[in-house]
Amino acid sequence: MSKTILITGGAGFIGSNLCRRLLKDDNKVICVDNLYTGQMRNIKPLMTNKNFKFINHNIIEPLTIEEKLDQIYNLACPASPPHYQKDPLFTINTCFIGTTNMLNLARINNCKMLQASTSEVYGDPLEHPQKETYRGHVNCFGIRSCYDEGKRSAETLCFNYINQFGVNVKIIRIFNTYGPYMAKDDGRVITNFVNQALYDQDETIYGDGSQTRSFQYIDDLIEAMIRVMDTDDTFHGPINLGNPNEFTIKELAEIILELIKESKSKMVYKELPMDDPCKRRPDISLAKEKLKWEPVIQLREGLQKTIDYFKEIKDIGQK
């Protein structure tokens, strides 16, 4: 049955992919984004769809929606270090005040809400891989804290709305995700490496490249998000969503240079930024149990799709 679904941050990387999937499933989608990091080009092809509506709005301000909502996906927040560190107060206010506004909207509509949290709540983890029960190792005064602690405070808000008002909120913790519709300048490691290789710039590795990450392709994440939203009303999370296959940053750089054979890029090394996690890998046992889900697209296949997307963007820019 068709649902009316609101997506905050809907013009961003994850949000625009989610808009596409939910429209494909014959839902009505209301996309809310203030375009701070989201891009109109991500949703421009959707604007002619009669089931799609775009609202330019900052969720730090209260939002009134005329339609009765069935679901809310709250994805709004700058998510890459250069973007969330640009205006730390804006980031933490989006996490706290923006989430409060969306929780109130869910309460008014008596609808489900999915809160997009992050693996950053684990900080630079002392537990590996990270389970949902791990409480994290976060520097609350560091340059990443506006995002790390902002997302932690948003989770606290959600659980208080669950316990105090009975709002049906489901919390997901998203691990490194990549794929089409990422912003070229978002500062994430895959976009950096792919675009540096495509433009024959040296691939910048921070530290010695031994730090590890686990990379999840966007289609796997979107499938998991929808399955979380469809869980019964007793399940609220948090739940890790990520790909548990672990790679060093140096291995990632080497794979990308392998896939972009024409690149003349070389690897160069720079100082590791403050509080950059040494390891990051999800334990997805809970997702396997509750969602009957695990990632199906592995790194080389997902990287090839991502490279093809950025090649297309590059070609359009040169015409």
Protein backbone atom coordinates (compact mmCIF):
# COMPACT_ATOMS: atom_id res chain seq x y z
CA MET A 1 0.00 0.00 0.00
CA SER A 2 1.28 3.46 -0.91
CA LYS A 3 2.59 5.55 2.00
CA THR A 4 3.30 9.26 2.44
CA ILE A 5 6.91 9.49 3.54
CA LEU A 6 8.95 12.52 4.59
CA ILE A 7 12.73 12.43 4.14
CA THR A 8 14.87 15.15 5.71
CA GLY A 9 18.23 15.59 4.00
CA GLY A 10 16.50 14.17 0.93
CA ALA A 11 18.75 15.98 -1.58
CA GLY A 12 21.90 14.52 -0.05
CA PHE A 13 23.76 11.36 -0.97
CA ILE A 14 21.80 8.84 1.09
CA GLY A 15 18.57 10.83 0.98
CA SER A 16 18.37 11.12 -2.80
CA ASN A 17 19.03 7.39 -3.22
CA LEU A 18 16.29 6.69 -0.67
CA CYS A 19 13.89 9.02 -2.52
CA ARG A 20 14.45 7.05 -5.72
CA ARG A 21 13.86 3.69 -4.07
CA LEU A 22 10.69 4.78 -2.23
CA LEU A 23 9.24 6.35 -5.39
CA LYS A 24 10.04 3.15 -7.28
CA ASP A 25 8.01 1.33 -4.61
CA ASP A 26 5.00 3.59 -5.45
CA ASN A 27 5.12 5.80 -2.37
CA LYS A 28 4.54 9.55 -2.09
CA VAL A 29 7.79 11.23 -1.05
CA ILE A 30 8.21 14.65 0.56
CA CYS A 31 11.87 15.66 0.35
CA VAL A 32 12.99 18.31 2.85
CA ASP A 33 16.45 19.84 2.47
CA ASN A 34 18.00 23.28 2.98
CA LEU A 35 20.73 22.44 0.42
CA TYR A 36 23.54 23.16 2.92
CA THR A 37 25.27 20.04 1.60
CA GLY A 38 22.47 18.47 -0.44
CA GLN A 39 22.39 19.20 -4.18
CA MET A 40 19.46 19.96 -6.45
CA ARG A 41 21.07 17.96 -9.24
CA ASN A 42 20.59 14.82 -7.10
CA ILE A 43 16.81 15.22 -7.16
CA LYS A 44 16.26 17.20 -10.38
CA PRO A 45 15.15 14.09 -12.35
CA LEU A 46 12.52 13.42 -9.65
CA MET A 47 10.86 16.84 -9.84
CA THR A 48 8.49 15.79 -12.64
CA ASN A 49 7.22 12.78 -10.67
CA LYS A 50 3.71 13.53 -9.41
CA ASN A 51 4.45 11.58 -6.23
CA PHE A 52 7.49 13.71 -5.36
CA LYS A 53 7.50 17.04 -3.55
CA PHE A 54 10.50 19.17 -2.56
CA ILE A 55 10.49 21.64 0.34
CA ASN A 56 13.51 23.89 0.89
CA HIS A 57 13.63 24.05 4.68
CA ASN A 58 16.11 24.01 7.57
CA ILE A 59 14.84 21.52 10.16
CA ILE A 60 16.32 23.62 12.98
CA GLU A 61 13.13 25.63 12.37
CA PRO A 62 9.76 23.91 13.08
CA LEU A 63 8.12 22.33 10.04
CA THR A 64 4.41 22.09 9.28
CA ILE A 65 3.26 19.50 6.75
CA GLU A 66 -0.29 19.52 5.38
CA GLU A 67 -0.28 15.85 4.42
CA LYS A 68 -0.80 13.07 6.95
CA LEU A 69 2.54 11.30 7.25
CA ASP A 70 3.02 7.55 7.55
CA GLN A 71 6.80 7.59 8.01
CA ILE A 72 9.67 10.02 8.60
CA TYR A 73 13.30 9.30 7.72
CA ASN A 74 15.45 11.88 9.55
CA LEU A 75 18.73 12.03 7.62
CA ALA A 76 19.39 15.78 7.77
CA CYS A 77 22.88 16.67 8.99
CA PRO A 78 26.25 17.44 7.40
CA ALA A 79 28.00 14.05 7.53
CA SER A 80 31.55 14.42 6.19
CA PRO A 81 34.31 16.02 8.32
CA PRO A 82 34.89 19.12 6.13
CA HIS A 83 31.14 19.81 6.06
CA TYR A 84 30.27 19.22 9.70
CA GLN A 85 33.40 21.02 10.93
CA LYS A 86 32.65 24.09 8.78
CA ASP A 87 30.03 25.33 11.29
CA PRO A 88 30.11 23.11 14.40
CA LEU A 89 27.20 24.90 16.11
CA PHE A 90 25.01 24.43 13.04
CA THR A 91 25.90 20.73 13.06
CA ILE A 92 25.05 20.13 16.70
CA ASN A 93 21.88 22.24 16.46
CA THR A 94 20.77 20.18 13.45
CA CYS A 95 21.36 17.02 15.48
CA PHE A 96 19.56 18.23 18.61
CA ILE A 97 17.00 20.90 17.69
CA GLY A 98 16.35 19.46 14.23
CA THR A 99 15.79 15.98 15.63
CA THR A 100 13.48 17.42 18.33
CA ASN A 101 11.39 19.06 15.60
CA MET A 102 11.15 15.80 13.65
CA LEU A 103 10.23 13.84 16.78
CA ASN A 104 7.45 16.33 17.47
CA LEU A 105 6.24 15.95 13.88
CA ALA A 106 6.24 12.15 14.27
CA ARG A 107 4.30 12.53 17.51
CA ILE A 108 1.69 14.80 15.89
CA ASN A 109 1.25 12.38 12.98
CA ASN A 110 1.44 9.25 15.15
CA CYS A 111 3.86 7.84 12.60
CA LYS A 112 7.10 5.85 12.60
CA MET A 113 10.40 7.72 12.46
CA LEU A 114 13.80 6.36 11.47
CA GLN A 115 16.70 8.29 12.99
CA ALA A 116 19.95 8.15 11.04
CA SER A 117 22.72 7.90 13.61
CA THR A 118 26.28 6.97 12.80
CA SER A 119 29.24 4.76 13.62
CA GLU A 120 30.88 7.99 14.81
CA VAL A 121 29.05 7.53 18.12
CA TYR A 122 31.71 4.87 18.84
CA GLY A 123 34.51 7.44 18.38
CA ASP A 124 37.99 5.90 18.14
CA PRO A 125 36.84 2.50 19.42
CA LEU A 126 38.62 0.32 21.93
CA GLU A 127 36.29 -2.57 21.02
CA HIS A 128 36.66 -4.22 17.63
CA PRO A 129 34.42 -4.93 15.81
CA GLN A 130 31.84 -2.58 17.33
CA LYS A 131 28.60 -4.01 18.75
CA GLU A 132 25.56 -1.86 19.51
CA THR A 133 26.18 -2.42 23.24
CA TYR A 134 29.58 -0.67 23.05
CA ARG A 135 29.35 2.79 24.63
CA GLY A 136 32.12 4.37 22.63
CA HIS A 137 35.40 6.23 23.10
CA VAL A 138 34.68 9.82 22.08
CA ASN A 139 36.59 13.05 22.68
CA CYS A 140 33.82 15.51 23.55
CA PHE A 141 36.18 18.50 23.02
CA GLY A 142 37.72 17.38 19.72
CA ILE A 143 37.14 18.76 16.22
CA ARG A 144 34.81 15.83 15.42
CA SER A 145 32.75 16.21 18.61
CA CYS A 146 30.04 18.46 17.11
CA TYR A 147 29.01 15.48 14.97
CA ASP A 148 29.92 12.57 17.27
CA GLU A 149 28.28 14.07 20.35
CA GLY A 150 25.50 15.66 18.29
CA LYS A 151 24.46 12.23 17.03
CA ARG A 152 24.80 10.73 20.52
CA SER A 153 22.53 13.45 21.92
CA ALA A 154 20.01 12.79 19.12
CA GLU A 155 19.89 9.11 20.11
CA THR A 156 19.21 10.17 23.72
CA LEU A 157 16.39 12.41 22.52
CA CYS A 158 14.86 9.55 20.56
CA PHE A 159 14.86 7.16 23.50
CA ASN A 160 13.28 9.81 25.72
CA TYR A 161 10.51 10.38 23.15
CA ILE A 162 9.99 6.60 22.99
CA ASN A 163 9.79 6.26 26.77
CA GLN A 164 7.94 9.48 27.59
CA PHE A 165 5.55 9.88 24.65
CA GLY A 166 5.47 6.44 23.00
CA VAL A 167 6.80 7.74 19.67
CA ASN A 168 7.81 4.82 17.47
CA VAL A 169 11.43 5.67 16.64
CA LYS A 170 13.98 3.31 15.12
CA ILE A 171 17.67 4.20 15.38
CA ILE A 172 20.24 3.04 12.85
CA ARG A 173 24.00 3.51 13.10
CA ILE A 174 25.37 3.91 9.59
CA PHE A 175 28.96 2.86 8.88
CA ASN A 176 31.02 4.19 5.93
CA THR A 177 28.78 4.21 2.86
CA TYR A 178 29.59 5.11 -0.74
CA GLY A 179 28.06 5.14 -4.21
CA PRO A 180 26.42 7.37 -6.83
CA TYR A 181 25.22 10.87 -5.84
CA MET A 182 28.02 11.45 -3.36
CA ALA A 183 29.27 15.03 -3.54
CA LYS A 184 32.60 15.26 -5.31
CA ASP A 185 34.00 17.60 -2.63
CA ASP A 186 32.59 15.88 0.46
CA GLY A 187 36.04 15.00 1.77
CA ARG A 188 35.27 11.31 2.33
CA VAL A 189 38.07 8.91 1.54
CA ILE A 190 36.42 7.15 -1.43
CA THR A 191 35.35 10.37 -3.17
CA ASN A 192 38.81 11.82 -2.53
CA PHE A 193 40.64 8.82 -3.97
CA VAL A 194 38.31 8.32 -6.96
CA ASN A 195 38.38 11.95 -8.03
CA GLN A 196 42.10 12.34 -7.41
CA ALA A 197 42.69 9.31 -9.64
CA LEU A 198 40.30 10.54 -12.35
CA TYR A 199 42.01 13.94 -12.46
CA ASP A 200 45.57 12.51 -12.21
CA GLN A 201 46.17 14.10 -8.81
CA ASP A 202 48.18 12.30 -6.14
CA GLU A 203 46.07 10.16 -3.81
CA THR A 204 46.36 11.67 -0.34
CA ILE A 205 46.74 9.12 2.46
CA TYR A 206 46.61 10.50 5.99
CA GLY A 207 48.93 8.66 8.39
CA ASP A 208 50.68 5.53 7.13
CA GLY A 209 47.52 4.06 5.57
CA SER A 210 47.27 1.21 8.08
CA GLN A 211 44.04 2.51 9.65
CA THR A 212 41.05 0.41 8.62
CA ARG A 213 37.51 1.05 7.43
CA SER A 214 34.59 -1.06 6.25
CA PHE A 215 32.78 0.23 3.16
CA GLN A 216 29.09 -0.34 2.45
CA TYR A 217 27.53 0.25 -0.97
CA ILE A 218 24.51 2.56 -0.95
CA ASP A 219 21.99 0.03 -2.34
CA ASP A 220 22.71 -2.34 0.55
CA LEU A 221 22.15 0.47 3.06
CA ILE A 222 18.85 1.59 1.48
CA GLU A 223 17.51 -1.98 1.58
CA ALA A 224 18.46 -2.27 5.25
CA MET A 225 16.88 1.11 6.14
CA ILE A 226 13.55 0.07 4.65
CA ARG A 227 13.69 -3.25 6.49
CA VAL A 228 14.36 -1.42 9.78
CA MET A 229 11.38 0.87 9.19
CA ASP A 230 9.22 -2.23 8.59
CA THR A 231 10.20 -3.95 11.87
CA ASP A 232 7.49 -4.38 14.51
CA ASP A 233 6.67 -1.59 16.94
CA THR A 234 8.65 -3.15 19.80
CA PHE A 235 12.01 -2.79 18.02
CA HIS A 236 13.76 0.58 18.32
CA GLY A 237 17.45 -0.27 17.92
CA PRO A 238 20.07 0.98 17.82
CA ILE A 239 21.21 -1.28 15.00
CA ASN A 240 24.49 -1.26 13.06
CA LEU A 241 24.22 -1.05 9.27
CA GLY A 242 27.49 -1.57 7.46
CA ASN A 243 29.69 -4.00 5.58
CA PRO A 244 31.92 -5.99 7.96
CA ASN A 245 34.66 -6.60 5.37
CA GLU A 246 37.62 -4.52 6.54
CA PHE A 247 40.31 -2.84 4.43
CA THR A 248 43.24 -0.59 5.20
CA ILE A 249 43.16 2.87 3.67
CA LYS A 250 46.27 1.96 1.66
CA GLU A 251 44.54 -1.15 0.28
CA LEU A 252 41.57 1.01 -0.76
CA ALA A 253 43.86 3.44 -2.60
CA GLU A 254 45.57 0.55 -4.41
CA ILE A 255 42.25 -0.99 -5.51
CA ILE A 256 41.00 2.33 -6.89
CA LEU A 257 44.20 2.85 -8.87
CA GLU A 258 43.83 -0.70 -10.18
CA LEU A 259 40.28 0.02 -11.36
CA ILE A 260 41.18 3.38 -12.94
CA LYS A 261 43.98 1.98 -15.05
CA GLU A 262 44.47 5.18 -17.05
CA SER A 263 45.27 7.22 -13.94
CA LYS A 264 48.74 8.70 -13.48
CA SER A 265 48.18 9.31 -9.76
CA LYS A 266 50.65 8.24 -7.08
CA MET A 267 50.10 7.78 -3.35
CA VAL A 268 51.39 10.52 -1.03
CA TYR A 269 51.32 10.55 2.77
CA LYS A 270 50.29 13.38 5.11
CA GLU A 271 49.80 13.79 8.84
CA LEU A 272 46.81 11.98 10.38
CA PRO A 273 44.07 14.43 11.53
CA MET A 274 43.17 14.70 15.23
CA ASP A 275 40.85 11.97 16.61
CA ASP A 276 40.77 10.08 13.30
CA PRO A 277 39.69 6.51 14.24
CA CYS A 278 42.34 3.80 13.79
CA LYS A 279 39.77 1.05 13.24
CA ARG A 280 36.12 0.93 12.23
CA ARG A 281 34.18 -2.26 11.55
CA PRO A 282 30.58 -3.12 12.39
CA ASP A 283 29.32 -6.21 14.11
CA ILE A 284 26.10 -6.82 12.13
CA SER A 285 24.84 -9.85 14.05
CA LEU A 286 21.74 -7.93 15.14
CA ALA A 287 20.94 -6.85 11.56
CA LYS A 288 21.29 -10.44 10.36
CA GLU A 289 18.93 -11.62 13.10
CA LYS A 290 16.29 -8.86 13.02
CA LEU A 291 16.33 -7.90 9.34
CA LYS A 292 17.52 -11.11 7.67
CA TRP A 293 19.94 -8.75 5.94
CA GLU A 294 23.60 -8.52 5.10
CA PRO A 295 25.44 -6.62 2.35
CA VAL A 296 25.52 -8.28 -1.08
CA ILE A 297 27.61 -5.77 -3.07
CA GLN A 298 31.29 -6.09 -2.28
CA LEU A 299 33.97 -3.45 -2.58
CA ARG A 300 35.29 -3.88 -6.13
CA GLU A 301 31.81 -4.06 -7.66
CA GLY A 302 30.59 -1.05 -5.69
CA LEU A 303 33.72 0.96 -6.45
CA GLN A 304 33.32 0.30 -10.19
CA LYS A 305 29.74 1.64 -10.07
CA THR A 306 30.95 4.68 -8.12
CA ILE A 307 33.83 5.32 -10.52
CA ASP A 308 31.42 5.10 -13.48
CA TYR A 309 29.19 7.72 -11.80
CA PHE A 310 32.06 10.15 -11.22
CA LYS A 311 33.34 9.59 -14.77
CA GLU A 312 29.91 10.58 -16.05
CA ILE A 313 29.92 13.72 -13.87
CA LYS A 314 33.39 14.57 -15.14
CA ASP A 315 32.32 14.12 -18.79
CA ILE A 316 29.25 16.33 -18.28
CA GLY A 317 31.48 19.01 -16.71
CA GLN A 318 33.81 18.98 -19.70
CA LYS A 319 31.06 19.38 -22.31
